Structure formats: structure tokens, C-alpha cells
Amino acid sequence: YVFYAAWLSEKNMPRQRESMMAKL
């Protein structure tokens, strides 16, 4: 899930919820 959130960030896609989920 961390790699998924990183992938979203690299693609400059919405990732606020995913980054919170990854960290949590």
C-alpha cells in the first residue's frame, strides 16, 4: 500500500486519502 501511494504521487494523482491510509 505504501508503494501504491507512492505510485499515485509519482503520477501526480489525488493521493491525500491514500497517503493517510498508508501511514495509518
PDB file of all heavy atoms in Angstrom:
ATOM      1  N   TYR A   1       0.829  -1.209   0.000  1.00  0.00           N
ATOM      2  CA  TYR A   1       0.000   0.000   0.000  1.00  0.00           C
ATOM      3  C   TYR A   1       0.864   1.259   0.000  1.00  0.00           C
ATOM      4  O   TYR A   1       0.500   2.263  -0.620  1.00  0.00           O
ATOM      5  CB  TYR A   1      -0.971   0.019   1.187  1.00  0.00           C
ATOM      6  CG  TYR A   1      -2.167   0.901   0.896  1.00  0.00           C
ATOM      7  CD1 TYR A   1      -3.268   0.395   0.215  1.00  0.00           C
ATOM      8  CD2 TYR A   1      -2.148   2.256   1.215  1.00  0.00           C
ATOM      9  CE1 TYR A   1      -4.341   1.213  -0.107  1.00  0.00           C
ATOM     10  CE2 TYR A   1      -3.215   3.077   0.901  1.00  0.00           C
ATOM     11  CZ  TYR A   1      -4.307   2.553   0.239  1.00  0.00           C
ATOM     12  OH  TYR A   1      -5.365   3.369  -0.097  1.00  0.00           O
ATOM     13  N   VAL A   2       2.006   1.198   0.644  1.00  0.00           N
ATOM     14  CA  VAL A   2       2.929   2.337   0.598  1.00  0.00           C
ATOM     15  C   VAL A   2       3.411   2.565  -0.830  1.00  0.00           C
ATOM     16  O   VAL A   2       3.452   3.698  -1.316  1.00  0.00           O
ATOM     17  CB  VAL A   2       4.122   2.112   1.550  1.00  0.00           C
ATOM     18  CG1 VAL A   2       5.192   3.186   1.333  1.00  0.00           C
ATOM     19  CG2 VAL A   2       3.665   2.128   2.994  1.00  0.00           C
ATOM     20  N   PHE A   3       3.751   1.486  -1.545  1.00  0.00           N
ATOM     21  CA  PHE A   3       4.172   1.621  -2.936  1.00  0.00           C
ATOM     22  C   PHE A   3       3.029   2.134  -3.818  1.00  0.00           C
ATOM     23  O   PHE A   3       3.264   2.877  -4.781  1.00  0.00           O
ATOM     24  CB  PHE A   3       4.700   0.295  -3.473  1.00  0.00           C
ATOM     25  CG  PHE A   3       6.060  -0.081  -2.945  1.00  0.00           C
ATOM     26  CD1 PHE A   3       6.362  -1.383  -2.614  1.00  0.00           C
ATOM     27  CD2 PHE A   3       7.048   0.882  -2.782  1.00  0.00           C
ATOM     28  CE1 PHE A   3       7.618  -1.734  -2.132  1.00  0.00           C
ATOM     29  CE2 PHE A   3       8.298   0.559  -2.302  1.00  0.00           C
ATOM     30  CZ  PHE A   3       8.586  -0.757  -1.973  1.00  0.00           C
ATOM     31  N   TYR A   4       1.804   1.745  -3.482  1.00  0.00           N
ATOM     32  CA  TYR A   4       0.646   2.249  -4.232  1.00  0.00           C
ATOM     33  C   TYR A   4       0.501   3.764  -4.035  1.00  0.00           C
ATOM     34  O   TYR A   4       0.317   4.520  -5.002  1.00  0.00           O
ATOM     35  CB  TYR A   4      -0.616   1.528  -3.774  1.00  0.00           C
ATOM     36  CG  TYR A   4      -1.905   2.112  -4.319  1.00  0.00           C
ATOM     37  CD1 TYR A   4      -2.121   2.220  -5.698  1.00  0.00           C
ATOM     38  CD2 TYR A   4      -2.905   2.567  -3.460  1.00  0.00           C
ATOM     39  CE1 TYR A   4      -3.299   2.767  -6.195  1.00  0.00           C
ATOM     40  CE2 TYR A   4      -4.087   3.099  -3.956  1.00  0.00           C
ATOM     41  CZ  TYR A   4      -4.278   3.198  -5.328  1.00  0.00           C
ATOM     42  OH  TYR A   4      -5.440   3.735  -5.818  1.00  0.00           O
ATOM     43  N   ALA A   5       0.609   4.218  -2.785  1.00  0.00           N
ATOM     44  CA  ALA A   5       0.522   5.655  -2.511  1.00  0.00           C
ATOM     45  C   ALA A   5       1.669   6.402  -3.189  1.00  0.00           C
ATOM     46  O   ALA A   5       1.476   7.511  -3.718  1.00  0.00           O
ATOM     47  CB  ALA A   5       0.533   5.903  -1.002  1.00  0.00           C
ATOM     48  N   ALA A   6       2.853   5.801  -3.205  1.00  0.00           N
ATOM     49  CA  ALA A   6       3.996   6.424  -3.880  1.00  0.00           C
ATOM     50  C   ALA A   6       3.751   6.518  -5.378  1.00  0.00           C
ATOM     51  O   ALA A   6       4.081   7.522  -6.020  1.00  0.00           O
ATOM     52  CB  ALA A   6       5.267   5.617  -3.595  1.00  0.00           C
ATOM     53  N   TRP A   7       3.170   5.469  -5.948  1.00  0.00           N
ATOM     54  CA  TRP A   7       2.854   5.458  -7.388  1.00  0.00           C
ATOM     55  C   TRP A   7       1.862   6.567  -7.733  1.00  0.00           C
ATOM     56  O   TRP A   7       2.034   7.273  -8.736  1.00  0.00           O
ATOM     57  CB  TRP A   7       2.286   4.090  -7.762  1.00  0.00           C
ATOM     58  CG  TRP A   7       1.859   3.962  -9.193  1.00  0.00           C
ATOM     59  CD1 TRP A   7       2.642   3.725 -10.281  1.00  0.00           C
ATOM     60  CD2 TRP A   7       0.515   4.066  -9.696  1.00  0.00           C
ATOM     61  NE1 TRP A   7       1.883   3.675 -11.422  1.00  0.00           N
ATOM     62  CE2 TRP A   7       0.569   3.874 -11.100  1.00  0.00           C
ATOM     63  CE3 TRP A   7      -0.725   4.282  -9.094  1.00  0.00           C
ATOM     64  CZ2 TRP A   7      -0.556   3.911 -11.902  1.00  0.00           C
ATOM     65  CZ3 TRP A   7      -1.859   4.320  -9.893  1.00  0.00           C
ATOM     66  CH2 TRP A   7      -1.766   4.137 -11.282  1.00  0.00           C
ATOM     67  N   LEU A   8       0.861   6.754  -6.889  1.00  0.00           N
ATOM     68  CA  LEU A   8      -0.106   7.833  -7.120  1.00  0.00           C
ATOM     69  C   LEU A   8       0.593   9.187  -7.080  1.00  0.00           C
ATOM     70  O   LEU A   8       0.300  10.081  -7.885  1.00  0.00           O
ATOM     71  CB  LEU A   8      -1.205   7.796  -6.058  1.00  0.00           C
ATOM     72  CG  LEU A   8      -2.215   6.645  -6.126  1.00  0.00           C
ATOM     73  CD1 LEU A   8      -3.156   6.704  -4.922  1.00  0.00           C
ATOM     74  CD2 LEU A   8      -3.023   6.688  -7.424  1.00  0.00           C
ATOM     75  N   SER A   9       1.520   9.334  -6.148  1.00  0.00           N
ATOM     76  CA  SER A   9       2.233  10.596  -6.014  1.00  0.00           C
ATOM     77  C   SER A   9       3.103  10.869  -7.237  1.00  0.00           C
ATOM     78  O   SER A   9       3.160  11.999  -7.743  1.00  0.00           O
ATOM     79  CB  SER A   9       3.091  10.569  -4.744  1.00  0.00           C
ATOM     80  OG  SER A   9       3.669  11.831  -4.493  1.00  0.00           O
ATOM     81  N   GLU A  10       3.763   9.822  -7.721  1.00  0.00           N
ATOM     82  CA  GLU A  10       4.601   9.978  -8.914  1.00  0.00           C
ATOM     83  C   GLU A  10       3.785  10.375 -10.140  1.00  0.00           C
ATOM     84  O   GLU A  10       4.251  11.118 -11.000  1.00  0.00           O
ATOM     85  CB  GLU A  10       5.343   8.673  -9.190  1.00  0.00           C
ATOM     86  CG  GLU A  10       6.465   8.398  -8.202  1.00  0.00           C
ATOM     87  CD  GLU A  10       6.899   6.945  -8.222  1.00  0.00           C
ATOM     88  OE1 GLU A  10       6.491   6.219  -9.145  1.00  0.00           O
ATOM     89  OE2 GLU A  10       7.650   6.540  -7.316  1.00  0.00           O
ATOM     90  N   LYS A  11       2.543   9.865 -10.226  1.00  0.00           N
ATOM     91  CA  LYS A  11       1.658  10.177 -11.345  1.00  0.00           C
ATOM     92  C   LYS A  11       0.910  11.492 -11.132  1.00  0.00           C
ATOM     93  O   LYS A  11       0.094  11.885 -11.969  1.00  0.00           O
ATOM     94  CB  LYS A  11       0.650   9.050 -11.552  1.00  0.00           C
ATOM     95  CG  LYS A  11       1.274   7.692 -11.871  1.00  0.00           C
ATOM     96  CD  LYS A  11       2.041   7.733 -13.182  1.00  0.00           C
ATOM     97  CE  LYS A  11       2.619   6.362 -13.524  1.00  0.00           C
ATOM     98  NZ  LYS A  11       3.423   6.401 -14.763  1.00  0.00           N
ATOM     99  N   ASN A  12       1.204  12.151  -9.975  1.00  0.00           N
ATOM    100  CA  ASN A  12       0.539  13.411  -9.630  1.00  0.00           C
ATOM    101  C   ASN A  12      -0.982  13.250  -9.615  1.00  0.00           C
ATOM    102  O   ASN A  12      -1.724  14.139 -10.022  1.00  0.00           O
ATOM    103  CB  ASN A  12       0.944  14.526 -10.594  1.00  0.00           C
ATOM    104  CG  ASN A  12       0.717  15.903  -9.982  1.00  0.00           C
ATOM    105  OD1 ASN A  12       0.757  16.068  -8.761  1.00  0.00           O
ATOM    106  ND2 ASN A  12       0.459  16.884 -10.820  1.00  0.00           N
ATOM    107  N   MET A  13      -1.427  12.118  -9.119  1.00  0.00           N
ATOM    108  CA  MET A  13      -2.853  11.824  -8.991  1.00  0.00           C
ATOM    109  C   MET A  13      -3.305  12.118  -7.565  1.00  0.00           C
ATOM    110  O   MET A  13      -2.477  12.215  -6.657  1.00  0.00           O
ATOM    111  CB  MET A  13      -3.117  10.357  -9.348  1.00  0.00           C
ATOM    112  CG  MET A  13      -2.792  10.024 -10.801  1.00  0.00           C
ATOM    113  SD  MET A  13      -2.821   8.237 -11.118  1.00  0.00           S
ATOM    114  CE  MET A  13      -4.563   7.873 -10.885  1.00  0.00           C
ATOM    115  N   PRO A  14      -4.614  12.300  -7.331  1.00  0.00           N
ATOM    116  CA  PRO A  14      -5.100  12.517  -5.959  1.00  0.00           C
ATOM    117  C   PRO A  14      -4.622  11.394  -5.043  1.00  0.00           C
ATOM    118  O   PRO A  14      -4.782  10.218  -5.363  1.00  0.00           O
ATOM    119  CB  PRO A  14      -6.624  12.502  -6.123  1.00  0.00           C
ATOM    120  CG  PRO A  14      -6.860  12.927  -7.539  1.00  0.00           C
ATOM    121  CD  PRO A  14      -5.715  12.337  -8.326  1.00  0.00           C
ATOM    122  N   ARG A  15      -4.019  11.760  -3.923  1.00  0.00           N
ATOM    123  CA  ARG A  15      -3.474  10.730  -3.040  1.00  0.00           C
ATOM    124  C   ARG A  15      -3.546  11.123  -1.569  1.00  0.00           C
ATOM    125  O   ARG A  15      -2.917  10.495  -0.721  1.00  0.00           O
ATOM    126  CB  ARG A  15      -2.023  10.410  -3.406  1.00  0.00           C
ATOM    127  CG  ARG A  15      -1.006  11.513  -3.115  1.00  0.00           C
ATOM    128  CD  ARG A  15      -0.795  12.385  -4.272  1.00  0.00           C
ATOM    129  NE  ARG A  15       0.339  13.291  -4.148  1.00  0.00           N
ATOM    130  CZ  ARG A  15       0.536  14.296  -4.979  1.00  0.00           C
ATOM    131  NH1 ARG A  15      -0.314  14.539  -5.966  1.00  0.00           N
ATOM    132  NH2 ARG A  15       1.581  15.075  -4.835  1.00  0.00           N
ATOM    133  N   GLN A  16      -4.331  12.152  -1.239  1.00  0.00           N
ATOM    134  CA  GLN A  16      -4.398  12.552   0.160  1.00  0.00           C
ATOM    135  C   GLN A  16      -4.968  11.439   1.038  1.00  0.00           C
ATOM    136  O   GLN A  16      -4.402  11.103   2.080  1.00  0.00           O
ATOM    137  CB  GLN A  16      -5.239  13.829   0.304  1.00  0.00           C
ATOM    138  CG  GLN A  16      -4.578  15.086  -0.232  1.00  0.00           C
ATOM    139  CD  GLN A  16      -3.286  15.445   0.499  1.00  0.00           C
ATOM    140  OE1 GLN A  16      -3.034  15.012   1.608  1.00  0.00           O
ATOM    141  NE2 GLN A  16      -2.438  16.232  -0.157  1.00  0.00           N
ATOM    142  N   ARG A  17      -6.094  10.835   0.595  1.00  0.00           N
ATOM    143  CA  ARG A  17      -6.677   9.766   1.399  1.00  0.00           C
ATOM    144  C   ARG A  17      -5.750   8.558   1.427  1.00  0.00           C
ATOM    145  O   ARG A  17      -5.548   7.948   2.484  1.00  0.00           O
ATOM    146  CB  ARG A  17      -8.047   9.356   0.860  1.00  0.00           C
ATOM    147  CG  ARG A  17      -8.738   8.319   1.757  1.00  0.00           C
ATOM    148  CD  ARG A  17      -9.900   7.618   1.064  1.00  0.00           C
ATOM    149  NE  ARG A  17     -10.961   8.539   0.680  1.00  0.00           N
ATOM    150  CZ  ARG A  17     -12.125   8.127   0.158  1.00  0.00           C
ATOM    151  NH1 ARG A  17     -12.355   6.831  -0.033  1.00  0.00           N
ATOM    152  NH2 ARG A  17     -13.052   9.001  -0.193  1.00  0.00           N
ATOM    153  N   GLU A  18      -5.192   8.216   0.277  1.00  0.00           N
ATOM    154  CA  GLU A  18      -4.324   7.040   0.199  1.00  0.00           C
ATOM    155  C   GLU A  18      -3.058   7.202   1.041  1.00  0.00           C
ATOM    156  O   GLU A  18      -2.584   6.235   1.643  1.00  0.00           O
ATOM    157  CB  GLU A  18      -3.960   6.757  -1.256  1.00  0.00           C
ATOM    158  CG  GLU A  18      -5.107   6.235  -2.096  1.00  0.00           C
ATOM    159  CD  GLU A  18      -6.095   7.317  -2.523  1.00  0.00           C
ATOM    160  OE1 GLU A  18      -5.793   8.518  -2.328  1.00  0.00           O
ATOM    161  OE2 GLU A  18      -7.169   6.971  -3.050  1.00  0.00           O
ATOM    162  N   SER A  19      -2.506   8.416   1.077  1.00  0.00           N
ATOM    163  CA  SER A  19      -1.316   8.633   1.894  1.00  0.00           C
ATOM    164  C   SER A  19      -1.648   8.520   3.379  1.00  0.00           C
ATOM    165  O   SER A  19      -0.839   8.007   4.168  1.00  0.00           O
ATOM    166  CB  SER A  19      -0.688  10.004   1.587  1.00  0.00           C
ATOM    167  OG  SER A  19      -1.529  11.063   2.010  1.00  0.00           O
ATOM    168  N   MET A  20      -2.827   8.991   3.769  1.00  0.00           N
ATOM    169  CA  MET A  20      -3.256   8.838   5.161  1.00  0.00           C
ATOM    170  C   MET A  20      -3.446   7.365   5.502  1.00  0.00           C
ATOM    171  O   MET A  20      -3.044   6.905   6.576  1.00  0.00           O
ATOM    172  CB  MET A  20      -4.549   9.622   5.416  1.00  0.00           C
ATOM    173  CG  MET A  20      -4.375  11.125   5.443  1.00  0.00           C
ATOM    174  SD  MET A  20      -5.844  12.014   6.017  1.00  0.00           S
ATOM    175  CE  MET A  20      -6.956  11.811   4.616  1.00  0.00           C
ATOM    176  N   MET A  21      -4.072   6.624   4.586  1.00  0.00           N
ATOM    177  CA  MET A  21      -4.291   5.193   4.816  1.00  0.00           C
ATOM    178  C   MET A  21      -2.961   4.448   4.908  1.00  0.00           C
ATOM    179  O   MET A  21      -2.787   3.566   5.765  1.00  0.00           O
ATOM    180  CB  MET A  21      -5.141   4.613   3.688  1.00  0.00           C
ATOM    181  CG  MET A  21      -6.594   5.025   3.721  1.00  0.00           C
ATOM    182  SD  MET A  21      -7.511   4.308   2.321  1.00  0.00           S
ATOM    183  CE  MET A  21      -9.203   4.701   2.784  1.00  0.00           C
ATOM    184  N   ALA A  22      -2.026   4.797   4.034  1.00  0.00           N
ATOM    185  CA  ALA A  22      -0.717   4.138   4.030  1.00  0.00           C
ATOM    186  C   ALA A  22       0.011   4.381   5.345  1.00  0.00           C
ATOM    187  O   ALA A  22       0.554   3.452   5.956  1.00  0.00           O
ATOM    188  CB  ALA A  22       0.119   4.634   2.863  1.00  0.00           C
ATOM    189  N   LYS A  23       0.003   5.630   5.799  1.00  0.00           N
ATOM    190  CA  LYS A  23       0.694   5.965   7.043  1.00  0.00           C
ATOM    191  C   LYS A  23      -0.002   5.315   8.225  1.00  0.00           C
ATOM    192  O   LYS A  23       0.652   4.745   9.122  1.00  0.00           O
ATOM    193  CB  LYS A  23       0.751   7.486   7.208  1.00  0.00           C
ATOM    194  CG  LYS A  23       1.681   7.943   8.333  1.00  0.00           C
ATOM    195  CD  LYS A  23       0.972   7.984   9.666  1.00  0.00           C
ATOM    196  CE  LYS A  23       1.918   8.276  10.806  1.00  0.00           C
ATOM    197  NZ  LYS A  23       1.268   8.283  12.119  1.00  0.00           N
ATOM    198  N   LEU A  24      -1.314   5.390   8.280  1.00  0.00           N
ATOM    199  CA  LEU A  24      -2.076   4.796   9.375  1.00  0.00           C
ATOM    200  C   LEU A  24      -1.825   3.299   9.467  1.00  0.00           C
ATOM    201  O   LEU A  24      -1.476   2.767  10.524  1.00  0.00           O
ATOM    202  CB  LEU A  24      -3.572   5.075   9.179  1.00  0.00           C
ATOM    203  CG  LEU A  24      -4.538   4.350  10.118  1.00  0.00           C
ATOM    204  CD1 LEU A  24      -4.343   4.813  11.557  1.00  0.00           C
ATOM    205  CD2 LEU A  24      -5.988   4.587   9.674  1.00  0.00           C
TER     206      LEU A  24
END
